[in-house]
Protein backbone atom coordinates (compact mmCIF):
# COMPACT_ATOMS: atom_id res chain seq x y z
CA MET A 1 -139.05 -6.43 15.18
CA LEU A 2 -138.58 -9.30 17.69
CA LEU A 3 -135.37 -10.61 16.20
CA THR A 4 -134.15 -7.20 16.29
CA SER A 5 -134.58 -6.84 19.81
CA TYR A 6 -132.71 -10.17 20.74
CA LEU A 7 -129.84 -9.30 18.34
CA LEU A 8 -129.55 -6.20 20.21
CA ALA A 9 -129.98 -7.77 23.39
CA GLY A 10 -127.38 -10.00 22.61
CA LEU A 11 -124.72 -7.13 21.52
CA ALA A 12 -125.76 -5.44 24.91
CA ILE A 13 -124.75 -8.37 26.89
CA LEU A 14 -121.24 -8.64 24.90
CA LEU A 15 -120.51 -4.98 25.40
CA ALA A 16 -121.65 -5.05 28.88
CA TRP A 17 -119.25 -7.86 30.22
CA PRO A 18 -116.61 -9.99 28.15
CA ILE A 19 -115.93 -7.43 25.66
CA PRO A 20 -114.62 -4.52 27.94
CA VAL A 21 -113.36 -7.18 30.49
CA ALA A 22 -110.90 -8.38 27.42
CA LEU A 23 -110.05 -4.92 26.61
CA SER A 24 -109.04 -3.85 30.05
CA ARG A 25 -106.60 -6.65 30.07
CA ALA A 26 -105.24 -5.86 26.37
CA ARG A 27 -101.57 -5.26 26.35
CA TRP A 28 -101.55 -3.20 23.12
CA SER A 29 -103.66 -0.41 24.56
CA THR A 30 -100.30 1.11 26.13
CA ARG A 31 -98.93 0.85 22.50
CA SER A 32 -101.69 2.81 20.99
CA PRO A 33 -103.82 4.57 23.63
CA PHE A 34 -105.28 6.87 21.20
CA ALA A 35 -106.83 3.81 19.58
CA ALA A 36 -107.93 2.17 22.57
CA MET A 37 -109.46 5.28 23.84
CA VAL A 38 -111.69 5.46 20.47
CA LEU A 39 -112.46 1.70 20.90
CA TRP A 40 -113.71 2.18 24.66
CA GLN A 41 -115.89 5.18 23.28
CA ALA A 42 -117.54 3.01 20.87
CA ILE A 43 -117.83 0.32 23.18
CA ALA A 44 -119.61 2.52 25.84
CA LEU A 45 -121.83 4.46 23.01
CA ALA A 46 -122.82 1.00 21.43
CA GLY A 47 -123.46 -0.39 24.90
CA GLY A 48 -126.04 2.51 25.46
CA LEU A 49 -127.88 2.31 22.47
CA SER A 50 -127.98 -1.70 22.21
CA MET A 51 -129.74 -1.58 25.68
CA ILE A 52 -132.33 1.28 24.97
CA GLY A 53 -133.00 -0.08 21.46
CA ALA A 54 -133.49 -3.82 22.53
CA LEU A 55 -136.11 -2.53 25.31
CA LEU A 56 -137.65 -0.40 22.67
CA PHE A 57 -138.37 -3.03 19.90
CA TRP A 58 -139.53 -5.40 22.35
CA GLY A 59 -141.92 -3.03 23.91
CA LEU A 60 -143.29 -1.96 20.39
CA ASN A 61 -143.18 -5.47 18.81
CA PRO A 62 -147.12 -6.02 19.06
CA MET A 63 -147.93 -2.65 17.65
CA GLY A 64 -146.52 -3.02 14.16
CA ASN A 65 -143.97 -4.74 12.15
CA THR A 66 -141.79 -1.47 11.86
CA LEU A 67 -140.35 1.01 13.77
CA ILE A 68 -142.59 3.67 12.05
CA SER A 69 -146.08 1.69 11.81
CA SER A 70 -145.26 1.01 15.88
CA LEU A 71 -145.05 4.36 16.87
CA VAL A 72 -147.74 5.38 14.60
CA SER A 73 -149.96 2.98 16.22
CA GLY A 74 -148.57 4.04 19.76
CA VAL A 75 -149.50 7.71 18.92
CA LYS A 76 -153.04 6.52 17.81
CA LEU A 77 -153.46 4.23 21.19
CA VAL A 78 -152.48 7.44 23.22
CA MET A 79 -155.11 9.43 21.33
CA GLY A 80 -157.54 6.83 22.29
CA ASP A 81 -157.99 5.08 19.03
CA PRO A 82 -160.30 2.27 19.83
CA ASP A 83 -159.03 0.29 16.74
CA ILE A 84 -155.42 -0.16 18.14
CA ASN A 85 -154.95 -3.01 20.94
CA SER A 86 -152.98 -2.06 23.79
CA PRO A 87 -149.87 -4.09 24.34
CA GLY A 88 -149.52 -6.09 27.60
CA THR A 89 -147.92 -5.59 30.83
CA VAL A 90 -144.68 -6.76 30.01
CA HIS A 91 -144.49 -4.50 26.96
CA ILE A 92 -145.39 -1.58 28.60
CA PHE A 93 -142.89 -2.59 31.06
CA ALA A 94 -139.97 -2.46 28.66
CA LEU A 95 -141.10 0.58 26.94
CA SER A 96 -141.10 2.51 30.32
CA THR A 97 -137.66 1.03 30.92
CA ALA A 98 -136.41 2.60 27.65
CA ALA A 99 -137.51 5.68 28.03
CA LEU A 100 -136.55 5.93 32.05
CA LEU A 101 -132.87 4.38 31.16
CA GLY A 102 -132.67 7.08 27.85
CA PHE A 103 -133.74 9.68 30.38
CA HIS A 104 -131.85 8.77 33.20
CA LEU A 105 -128.55 8.77 31.17
CA VAL A 106 -128.96 12.24 29.60
CA LEU A 107 -130.32 13.62 32.94
CA THR A 108 -126.93 11.99 34.60
CA LEU A 109 -124.68 13.53 32.15
CA ILE A 110 -126.13 16.96 32.52
CA ARG A 111 -125.95 16.60 36.30
CA ALA A 112 -122.67 15.69 36.54
CA ALA A 113 -121.60 18.61 34.02
CA TRP A 114 -123.42 21.01 36.19
CA ARG A 115 -121.89 19.62 39.34
CA ILE A 116 -118.21 19.99 38.07
CA SER A 117 -118.64 23.14 36.59
CA ARG A 118 -119.67 24.59 39.79
CA GLN A 119 -116.92 22.64 41.69
CA ARG A 120 -114.21 24.48 39.26
CA ALA A 121 -115.74 27.64 39.89
CA ARG A 122 -115.38 27.42 43.49
CA HIS A 123 -112.13 26.07 42.72
CA ARG A 124 -111.13 28.69 40.86
CA HIS A 125 -112.03 31.26 43.29
CA ILE A 126 -109.87 29.63 45.81
CA LEU A 127 -107.20 29.99 43.38
CA SER A 128 -107.43 33.38 43.37
CA LEU A 129 -107.03 33.86 46.82
CA LEU A 130 -104.04 31.44 47.15
CA SER A 131 -101.86 31.63 44.00
CA GLU A 132 -100.47 34.39 41.48
CA LYS A 133 -100.10 34.50 37.91
CA SER A 134 -96.59 33.00 36.66
CA PRO A 135 -94.59 35.99 35.33
CA THR A 136 -93.63 33.93 32.14
CA ASP A 137 -96.93 32.41 31.31
CA PRO A 138 -100.63 34.21 32.44
CA SER A 139 -102.23 31.11 32.06
CA THR A 140 -100.48 29.20 34.51
CA LEU A 141 -100.80 30.04 38.03
CA VAL A 142 -98.33 29.45 40.86
CA LEU A 143 -99.77 28.11 44.41
CA ASP A 144 -97.72 29.34 47.24
CA HIS A 145 -97.23 25.65 48.80
CA GLU A 146 -94.25 23.57 49.55
CA THR A 147 -95.85 20.27 48.06
CA PRO A 148 -95.20 19.67 44.43
CA VAL A 149 -98.16 19.63 42.75
CA ALA A 150 -99.05 20.36 39.19
CA TYR A 151 -102.46 19.97 37.60
CA CYS A 152 -105.10 21.57 35.09
CA LEU A 153 -108.22 23.21 35.54
CA PRO A 154 -110.03 23.26 32.22
CA SER A 155 -112.37 25.69 31.13
CA PHE A 156 -114.26 27.13 28.26
CA SER A 157 -113.33 30.60 29.23
CA GLY A 158 -109.58 30.23 30.00
CA SER A 159 -108.24 27.09 31.20
CA VAL A 160 -105.07 27.44 33.39
CA THR A 161 -102.11 25.03 34.86
CA VAL A 162 -101.81 25.08 38.21
CA LEU A 163 -98.18 24.53 39.77
CA SER A 164 -97.15 24.73 43.73
CA ARG A 165 -93.87 26.78 44.40
CA GLY A 166 -92.54 23.54 45.98
CA LEU A 167 -92.72 21.93 42.64
CA VAL A 168 -91.12 25.05 40.66
CA GLN A 169 -88.33 24.84 43.02
CA GLN A 170 -87.66 21.29 43.19
CA LEU A 171 -87.64 20.61 38.97
CA SER A 172 -84.94 21.74 36.62
CA PRO A 173 -86.07 23.56 33.74
CA ASP A 174 -85.96 20.62 31.24
CA GLU A 175 -88.30 18.78 33.94
CA LEU A 176 -90.80 21.51 34.31
CA ARG A 177 -91.06 21.96 30.69
CA ALA A 178 -92.04 18.24 31.01
CA VAL A 179 -94.29 18.88 33.58
CA MET A 180 -95.99 21.95 31.49
CA ALA A 181 -96.25 19.89 28.50
CA HIS A 182 -98.05 17.18 30.15
CA GLU A 183 -100.65 19.52 31.55
CA ARG A 184 -100.93 21.62 28.13
CA ALA A 185 -101.64 18.18 26.40
CA HIS A 186 -105.02 17.84 28.92
CA LEU A 187 -106.23 20.91 28.12
CA ASP A 188 -105.46 20.90 24.57
CA GLN A 189 -107.00 17.51 23.63
CA ARG A 190 -109.98 18.48 26.33
CA HIS A 191 -109.36 15.38 28.21
CA ASP A 192 -111.87 16.41 30.92
CA LEU A 193 -114.70 16.19 28.49
CA LEU A 194 -113.90 12.35 27.70
CA LEU A 195 -113.66 12.00 31.30
CA LEU A 196 -116.98 13.73 31.84
CA ALA A 197 -118.67 11.16 29.74
CA PHE A 198 -117.26 8.29 31.51
CA THR A 199 -117.88 9.54 34.60
CA SER A 200 -121.48 10.26 34.25
CA TRP A 201 -121.91 6.67 32.59
CA ASN A 202 -120.52 5.49 35.65
CA ASP A 203 -122.79 7.43 37.94
CA ALA A 204 -125.48 6.27 35.79
CA LEU A 205 -124.83 2.49 35.90
CA PRO A 206 -122.59 1.89 38.62
CA TRP A 207 -123.30 -1.69 38.70
CA LEU A 208 -122.46 -2.38 35.08
CA PRO A 209 -118.91 -3.50 34.32
CA THR A 210 -118.51 -1.59 31.26
CA SER A 211 -118.78 1.71 33.03
CA LYS A 212 -116.43 0.79 36.16
CA LEU A 213 -113.77 -0.67 33.76
CA SER A 214 -114.15 2.12 31.00
CA LEU A 215 -113.65 4.89 33.63
CA ALA A 216 -110.46 3.45 35.01
CA ALA A 217 -109.23 2.73 31.45
CA VAL A 218 -109.98 6.01 30.32
CA GLN A 219 -108.15 7.82 33.36
CA GLU A 220 -105.25 5.83 32.62
CA LEU A 221 -105.22 6.66 28.79
CA VAL A 222 -105.80 9.96 29.01
CA GLU A 223 -102.61 10.19 31.14
CA MET A 224 -100.65 8.33 28.70
CA LEU A 225 -101.84 10.54 25.89
CA ALA A 226 -100.53 13.53 27.97
CA ASP A 227 -97.25 11.74 28.27
CA ASP A 228 -96.89 10.94 24.62
CA ALA A 229 -97.23 14.82 24.24
CA ALA A 230 -94.69 15.38 26.54
CA LEU A 231 -92.30 13.09 25.05
CA ARG A 232 -92.47 15.10 21.83
CA GLU A 233 -90.89 18.01 23.68
CA VAL A 234 -88.47 16.13 26.17
CA PRO A 235 -86.76 12.62 26.83
CA ALA A 236 -88.48 9.84 28.65
CA PRO A 237 -86.08 10.28 31.30
CA THR A 238 -86.71 13.56 31.93
CA LEU A 239 -90.54 13.15 32.12
CA LEU A 240 -90.16 10.04 34.20
CA ARG A 241 -87.96 12.07 36.83
CA ALA A 242 -90.68 14.78 36.92
CA LEU A 243 -93.75 12.73 37.28
CA LEU A 244 -91.91 10.62 39.90
CA SER A 245 -90.97 13.86 41.53
CA VAL A 246 -94.39 15.02 41.80
CA ALA A 247 -95.63 11.67 42.68
CA THR A 248 -93.31 11.16 45.81
CA GLY A 249 -93.68 14.71 46.75
CA ALA A 250 -97.30 14.73 47.01
CA LEU A 251 -97.15 11.66 49.14
CA GLY A 252 -95.06 13.33 51.78
CA THR A 253 -93.71 12.20 54.99
CA PRO A 254 -95.79 11.62 57.87
CA ALA A 255 -94.57 14.61 59.73
CA GLU A 256 -95.01 16.49 56.73
CA LYS A 257 -98.80 15.28 56.28
CA SER A 258 -99.49 16.11 60.21
CA THR A 259 -98.08 19.87 59.65
CA SER A 260 -99.28 20.88 56.69
CA THR A 261 -102.69 21.20 54.37
CA PRO A 262 -102.04 19.80 50.87
CA PRO A 263 -103.28 22.08 48.32
CA PRO A 264 -106.57 21.45 46.29
CA SER A 265 -106.76 19.05 43.23
CA SER A 266 -108.90 19.74 40.18
CA PRO A 267 -112.36 18.53 40.40
CA GLY A 268 -113.33 16.52 37.27
CA GLY A 269 -109.94 16.25 35.84
CA PRO A 270 -107.34 13.84 34.92
CA THR A 271 -106.12 11.92 38.08
CA GLU A 272 -102.30 12.26 37.46
CA GLU A 273 -101.98 8.77 38.82
CA LEU A 274 -98.56 7.58 37.94
CA SER A 275 -99.98 3.92 37.49
CA SER A 276 -97.44 0.67 37.15
CA ARG A 277 -98.48 0.64 33.16
CA ARG A 278 -97.72 4.27 32.99
CA LEU A 279 -94.23 3.87 34.52
CA LYS A 280 -93.52 0.55 32.93
CA ARG A 281 -93.82 2.38 29.28
CA LEU A 282 -91.55 5.11 30.26
CA LEU A 283 -89.12 2.75 31.91
CA THR A 284 -88.89 0.47 28.94
CA PRO A 285 -90.51 1.99 25.80
CA THR A 286 -92.30 -0.34 23.40
CA GLU A 287 -92.69 0.24 19.58
CA PRO A 288 -96.28 1.96 18.78
CA LEU A 289 -98.68 -0.23 16.88
CA ARG A 290 -98.26 -0.08 13.09
CA ALA A 291 -100.49 2.28 11.38
CA TRP A 292 -102.38 -0.87 9.72
CA SER A 293 -102.85 -2.13 13.52
CA ARG A 294 -104.16 1.14 14.64
CA ASN A 295 -106.36 1.50 11.78
CA LEU A 296 -107.92 -2.01 12.00
CA ILE A 297 -108.66 -1.00 15.74
CA ILE A 298 -110.56 2.32 14.69
CA ALA A 299 -112.55 0.32 11.89
CA THR A 300 -113.48 -2.15 14.75
CA ALA A 301 -114.65 0.64 16.61
CA ILE A 302 -116.77 2.09 14.03
CA ILE A 303 -118.22 -1.27 12.84
CA LEU A 304 -119.27 -1.62 16.65
CA LEU A 305 -120.88 1.72 16.54
CA ALA A 306 -122.28 1.00 13.30
CA LEU A 307 -123.60 -2.21 14.31
CA PRO A 308 -126.58 -1.21 16.71
CA THR A 309 -127.27 1.83 14.65
CA THR A 310 -127.81 -0.28 11.55
CA LEU A 311 -129.95 -2.92 13.63
CA VAL A 312 -132.34 0.03 14.93
CA ILE A 313 -132.75 2.06 11.62
CA ILE A 314 -132.93 -0.54 8.67
CA PRO A 315 -135.14 -3.25 10.15
CA GLY A 316 -137.00 -0.87 12.19
CA PHE A 317 -137.87 1.00 9.16
CA PHE A 318 -138.00 -1.56 6.31
CA GLU A 319 -138.46 -4.90 7.62
């Protein structure tokens, strides 16, 4: 079990720094956002499992040769069995840290979900006062504001897309269709759940490079995925014009900023930021990764996630 804890600790270090840094700089991610998203999820899950597993195996090592025997000895120790030797202070600290880390991660996820759900409920109430349903689409709300704005508000009880009156008046029918397809992709693919997971990971461990890099990468990747969905309905120049209209219109002029209040944006949803990498892939489209390359990346993600799981289960039960 001691060797297993060392291996898990080494894997946790790799997943905490060099691997996410390398992936954040990878150029191929713009050619296959889906594969990059899968890999980021594997890194986050495997990293958390490796950290907790390394501490758990280190702490249980003095109490048995396998995970089962160690847990049985731990139960007997808690029940007051005098034949079971108590582990040292360092091992108790490792076990306590593993338990606290696992509890902290779960609690942070629940807290983030609760906070965002309440923010969205308040946001939905404000929209009911300031907007009206689109005559052509009941799931689209039109906000009475001149600033070009478009975003989605996810919900399990009825997601909506929000457009401002200024946006509807400014864009052509094809550009408006591109914006709607983009926002609809966010809702259909439930990008809000992906962002929730990585937001809670960043809230729980803000000092960890993986959490910061993964959140920034996922925020950009979900926008690329939505762009790709829109590109299946409209050509790239149309989508680019629509996105630029929203981006530049939201900035406004200094006079407009001082005399108007910008409409609210979706809490806990996609950022809609037009990053340089998104702009570049729309201006100069590159060929998507070949099928074998995407499959190789996804297989790597599966192996990466299976590795700490295997290290925890097999040596822990059959060593």
